[in-house]
Every structure is written in C-alpha cells, then in structure tokens.
Amino acid sequence: MKLDALDNVYRNERDASVKERLLLIVRISIDKQHIESVAQEVHKSRAWAYKWYKRYNEEGIEGLRDKPRSGRPSFVDKENIIKIKQ
C-alpha cells in the first residue's frame, strides 16, 4: 500500500490502537526503519511489533483491527436479565 493510502486510512481511523499499529507499518514499510527500533520507539515489545507486521502482511489493513473474542458465559439466565433491566 502506498504512503498516500496509508496516510488517508491513518487520518480517518478513530481507534487509537489501530492508529498505533498503522504507525508501526508506515515506519517499517515506507520509512524503511528496522522493526526493533520502531517497537522501541512506540514502547512496545519486539514480539508485539512482529505480530502486527505479520498480520498486516497477511490480511492488510483489516488485520490491524482486534478480532472478536468469546467471553465468559453469563451465569444469569435470560429471564433474570429481563427482570434486572426492568
């Protein structure tokens, strides 16, 4: 992806985590900096930087967004949730 396109996505992104990951990609891909120095610059681990760089290469911009996770199931049944909301 070209600098103009990445810059446009960066400016329009509202999620701070995704913006931080986009900054990582710009510094590595466009500015040709080493991944370790960029990770240190944003105060993250090398493993964090490699993970997001790999996901960007595999999935593009959408790979920089958090994927949904399943949470702990609720112990409260649906009837009690309705009573609580009322």
N, C-alpha and C. Protein backbone atom coordinates (compact mmCIF):
# COMPACT_ATOMS: atom_id res chain seq x y z
N MET A 1 0.85 -1.17 0.00
CA MET A 1 0.00 0.00 0.00
C MET A 1 0.90 1.24 0.00
N LYS A 2 0.50 2.25 -0.72
CA LYS A 2 1.29 3.46 -0.85
C LYS A 2 1.11 4.38 0.35
N LEU A 3 2.04 5.31 0.49
CA LEU A 3 2.03 6.23 1.61
C LEU A 3 0.74 7.05 1.66
N ASP A 4 0.27 7.53 0.51
CA ASP A 4 -0.96 8.33 0.49
C ASP A 4 -2.15 7.55 1.03
N ALA A 5 -2.26 6.30 0.61
CA ALA A 5 -3.38 5.47 1.06
C ALA A 5 -3.28 5.19 2.56
N LEU A 6 -2.08 4.85 3.03
CA LEU A 6 -1.90 4.60 4.47
C LEU A 6 -2.16 5.86 5.27
N ASP A 7 -1.70 7.00 4.76
CA ASP A 7 -1.91 8.27 5.45
C ASP A 7 -3.40 8.59 5.56
N ASN A 8 -4.14 8.33 4.49
CA ASN A 8 -5.58 8.57 4.49
C ASN A 8 -6.29 7.67 5.50
N VAL A 9 -5.92 6.39 5.53
CA VAL A 9 -6.51 5.46 6.49
C VAL A 9 -6.16 5.90 7.91
N TYR A 10 -4.91 6.32 8.13
CA TYR A 10 -4.47 6.76 9.46
C TYR A 10 -5.28 7.96 9.94
N ARG A 11 -5.49 8.92 9.06
CA ARG A 11 -6.22 10.14 9.44
C ARG A 11 -7.70 9.85 9.76
N ASN A 12 -8.28 8.90 9.07
CA ASN A 12 -9.71 8.60 9.26
C ASN A 12 -9.98 7.57 10.36
N GLU A 13 -8.95 6.93 10.85
CA GLU A 13 -9.12 5.90 11.88
C GLU A 13 -9.41 6.54 13.22
N ARG A 14 -10.39 5.98 13.94
CA ARG A 14 -10.77 6.52 15.26
C ARG A 14 -10.21 5.69 16.42
N ASP A 15 -9.89 4.44 16.16
CA ASP A 15 -9.38 3.56 17.20
C ASP A 15 -7.89 3.82 17.40
N ALA A 16 -7.52 4.21 18.62
CA ALA A 16 -6.14 4.57 18.91
C ALA A 16 -5.19 3.38 18.75
N SER A 17 -5.64 2.19 19.07
CA SER A 17 -4.80 1.00 18.93
C SER A 17 -4.46 0.73 17.47
N VAL A 18 -5.45 0.89 16.61
CA VAL A 18 -5.23 0.67 15.18
C VAL A 18 -4.30 1.75 14.63
N LYS A 19 -4.45 2.98 15.10
CA LYS A 19 -3.57 4.06 14.66
C LYS A 19 -2.12 3.77 15.04
N GLU A 20 -1.92 3.24 16.24
CA GLU A 20 -0.58 2.90 16.69
C GLU A 20 0.02 1.80 15.80
N ARG A 21 -0.80 0.84 15.43
CA ARG A 21 -0.34 -0.26 14.56
C ARG A 21 -0.06 0.26 13.15
N LEU A 22 -0.89 1.19 12.68
CA LEU A 22 -0.64 1.80 11.37
C LEU A 22 0.67 2.57 11.36
N LEU A 23 0.96 3.26 12.45
CA LEU A 23 2.22 3.97 12.57
C LEU A 23 3.40 3.01 12.46
N LEU A 24 3.27 1.86 13.10
CA LEU A 24 4.29 0.82 13.01
C LEU A 24 4.52 0.41 11.55
N ILE A 25 3.43 0.18 10.83
CA ILE A 25 3.52 -0.25 9.44
C ILE A 25 4.16 0.82 8.57
N VAL A 26 3.77 2.07 8.77
CA VAL A 26 4.34 3.17 7.99
C VAL A 26 5.84 3.27 8.23
N ARG A 27 6.24 3.20 9.49
CA ARG A 27 7.67 3.33 9.81
C ARG A 27 8.49 2.20 9.22
N ILE A 28 7.94 1.00 9.17
CA ILE A 28 8.69 -0.14 8.65
C ILE A 28 8.64 -0.17 7.12
N SER A 29 7.45 -0.05 6.56
CA SER A 29 7.28 -0.22 5.11
C SER A 29 7.73 1.00 4.31
N ILE A 30 7.33 2.17 4.73
CA ILE A 30 7.60 3.38 3.96
C ILE A 30 8.93 4.01 4.36
N ASP A 31 9.16 4.18 5.66
CA ASP A 31 10.38 4.84 6.14
C ASP A 31 11.58 3.91 6.18
N LYS A 32 11.35 2.60 5.96
CA LYS A 32 12.42 1.58 5.91
C LYS A 32 13.22 1.51 7.21
N GLN A 33 12.54 1.67 8.34
CA GLN A 33 13.21 1.52 9.64
C GLN A 33 13.15 0.06 10.06
N HIS A 34 14.07 -0.31 10.95
CA HIS A 34 14.09 -1.68 11.47
C HIS A 34 12.95 -1.87 12.45
N ILE A 35 12.37 -3.04 12.43
CA ILE A 35 11.19 -3.32 13.25
C ILE A 35 11.51 -3.19 14.74
N GLU A 36 12.72 -3.56 15.14
CA GLU A 36 13.09 -3.47 16.56
C GLU A 36 13.16 -2.02 17.03
N SER A 37 13.69 -1.13 16.19
CA SER A 37 13.80 0.28 16.60
C SER A 37 12.42 0.95 16.64
N VAL A 38 11.53 0.56 15.74
CA VAL A 38 10.17 1.12 15.77
C VAL A 38 9.44 0.64 17.01
N ALA A 39 9.58 -0.63 17.35
CA ALA A 39 8.94 -1.17 18.56
C ALA A 39 9.42 -0.42 19.80
N GLN A 40 10.71 -0.16 19.85
CA GLN A 40 11.27 0.57 20.99
C GLN A 40 10.74 2.00 21.01
N GLU A 41 10.58 2.61 19.85
CA GLU A 41 10.09 3.98 19.74
C GLU A 41 8.66 4.12 20.27
N VAL A 42 7.81 3.13 20.03
CA VAL A 42 6.43 3.19 20.50
C VAL A 42 6.26 2.48 21.85
N HIS A 43 7.37 2.12 22.47
CA HIS A 43 7.37 1.49 23.80
C HIS A 43 6.60 0.18 23.83
N LYS A 44 6.83 -0.65 22.82
CA LYS A 44 6.21 -1.97 22.74
C LYS A 44 7.31 -3.01 22.55
N SER A 45 6.96 -4.27 22.77
CA SER A 45 7.95 -5.34 22.62
C SER A 45 8.15 -5.70 21.15
N ARG A 46 9.28 -6.34 20.88
CA ARG A 46 9.54 -6.80 19.51
C ARG A 46 8.49 -7.81 19.08
N ALA A 47 8.05 -8.67 20.00
CA ALA A 47 7.04 -9.67 19.68
C ALA A 47 5.74 -8.99 19.25
N TRP A 48 5.35 -7.92 19.93
CA TRP A 48 4.16 -7.16 19.56
C TRP A 48 4.30 -6.63 18.14
N ALA A 49 5.45 -6.04 17.84
CA ALA A 49 5.68 -5.45 16.51
C ALA A 49 5.66 -6.52 15.42
N TYR A 50 6.33 -7.64 15.66
CA TYR A 50 6.35 -8.71 14.66
C TYR A 50 4.94 -9.28 14.43
N LYS A 51 4.16 -9.40 15.51
CA LYS A 51 2.80 -9.93 15.39
C LYS A 51 1.96 -9.05 14.47
N TRP A 52 1.96 -7.73 14.70
CA TRP A 52 1.12 -6.84 13.91
C TRP A 52 1.65 -6.66 12.50
N TYR A 53 2.96 -6.70 12.32
CA TYR A 53 3.53 -6.60 10.98
C TYR A 53 3.15 -7.84 10.16
N LYS A 54 3.19 -9.00 10.78
CA LYS A 54 2.80 -10.25 10.11
C LYS A 54 1.32 -10.22 9.75
N ARG A 55 0.47 -9.78 10.69
CA ARG A 55 -0.97 -9.72 10.40
C ARG A 55 -1.28 -8.74 9.29
N TYR A 56 -0.55 -7.63 9.24
CA TYR A 56 -0.75 -6.66 8.15
C TYR A 56 -0.36 -7.29 6.81
N ASN A 57 0.75 -8.00 6.77
CA ASN A 57 1.19 -8.63 5.52
C ASN A 57 0.22 -9.71 5.06
N GLU A 58 -0.42 -10.40 5.99
CA GLU A 58 -1.34 -11.48 5.64
C GLU A 58 -2.75 -10.97 5.31
N GLU A 59 -3.23 -9.97 6.07
CA GLU A 59 -4.63 -9.56 5.96
C GLU A 59 -4.85 -8.12 5.53
N GLY A 60 -3.79 -7.34 5.41
CA GLY A 60 -3.93 -5.93 5.05
C GLY A 60 -4.39 -5.10 6.24
N ILE A 61 -5.03 -3.98 5.95
CA ILE A 61 -5.47 -3.05 6.99
C ILE A 61 -6.42 -3.72 7.98
N GLU A 62 -7.30 -4.58 7.52
CA GLU A 62 -8.25 -5.25 8.42
C GLU A 62 -7.53 -6.14 9.43
N GLY A 63 -6.34 -6.59 9.12
CA GLY A 63 -5.57 -7.40 10.06
C GLY A 63 -5.08 -6.61 11.26
N LEU A 64 -5.12 -5.29 11.18
CA LEU A 64 -4.67 -4.44 12.29
C LEU A 64 -5.77 -4.20 13.32
N ARG A 65 -6.97 -4.61 13.01
CA ARG A 65 -8.08 -4.44 13.95
C ARG A 65 -8.14 -5.66 14.88
N ASP A 66 -8.61 -5.43 16.10
CA ASP A 66 -8.77 -6.52 17.05
C ASP A 66 -9.86 -7.46 16.57
N LYS A 67 -9.61 -8.73 16.72
CA LYS A 67 -10.62 -9.73 16.35
C LYS A 67 -11.53 -9.97 17.54
N PRO A 68 -12.81 -10.28 17.28
CA PRO A 68 -13.72 -10.54 18.40
C PRO A 68 -13.29 -11.76 19.20
N ARG A 69 -13.49 -11.68 20.47
CA ARG A 69 -13.13 -12.78 21.37
C ARG A 69 -14.39 -13.25 22.09
N SER A 70 -14.40 -14.51 22.36
CA SER A 70 -15.53 -15.01 23.14
C SER A 70 -15.23 -14.74 24.61
N GLY A 71 -16.24 -14.32 25.30
CA GLY A 71 -16.06 -14.03 26.71
C GLY A 71 -16.58 -15.15 27.58
N ARG A 72 -16.49 -14.93 28.84
CA ARG A 72 -17.00 -15.91 29.79
C ARG A 72 -18.52 -15.94 29.70
N PRO A 73 -19.12 -17.11 29.66
CA PRO A 73 -20.58 -17.18 29.58
C PRO A 73 -21.23 -16.61 30.84
N SER A 74 -22.39 -16.02 30.65
CA SER A 74 -23.13 -15.44 31.76
C SER A 74 -23.73 -16.54 32.63
N PHE A 75 -23.75 -16.29 33.94
CA PHE A 75 -24.37 -17.22 34.87
C PHE A 75 -25.85 -16.88 35.06
N VAL A 76 -26.25 -15.73 34.56
CA VAL A 76 -27.62 -15.27 34.73
C VAL A 76 -28.42 -15.68 33.49
N ASP A 77 -29.59 -16.29 33.72
CA ASP A 77 -30.40 -16.69 32.57
C ASP A 77 -31.14 -15.48 32.00
N LYS A 78 -31.71 -15.66 30.82
CA LYS A 78 -32.33 -14.55 30.10
C LYS A 78 -33.50 -13.94 30.86
N GLU A 79 -34.27 -14.75 31.58
CA GLU A 79 -35.41 -14.23 32.33
C GLU A 79 -34.96 -13.26 33.41
N ASN A 80 -33.90 -13.61 34.11
CA ASN A 80 -33.39 -12.72 35.17
C ASN A 80 -32.79 -11.44 34.59
N ILE A 81 -32.19 -11.53 33.41
CA ILE A 81 -31.64 -10.33 32.77
C ILE A 81 -32.76 -9.36 32.45
N ILE A 82 -33.88 -9.89 31.95
CA ILE A 82 -35.04 -9.04 31.64
C ILE A 82 -35.57 -8.39 32.89
N LYS A 83 -35.67 -9.13 34.00
CA LYS A 83 -36.14 -8.57 35.29
C LYS A 83 -35.21 -7.48 35.77
N ILE A 84 -33.93 -7.69 35.64
CA ILE A 84 -32.94 -6.69 36.10
C ILE A 84 -33.07 -5.42 35.28
N LYS A 85 -33.24 -5.56 33.97
CA LYS A 85 -33.36 -4.37 33.11
C LYS A 85 -34.63 -3.60 33.40
N GLN A 86 -35.70 -4.31 33.78
CA GLN A 86 -36.96 -3.61 34.08
C GLN A 86 -36.83 -2.87 35.39
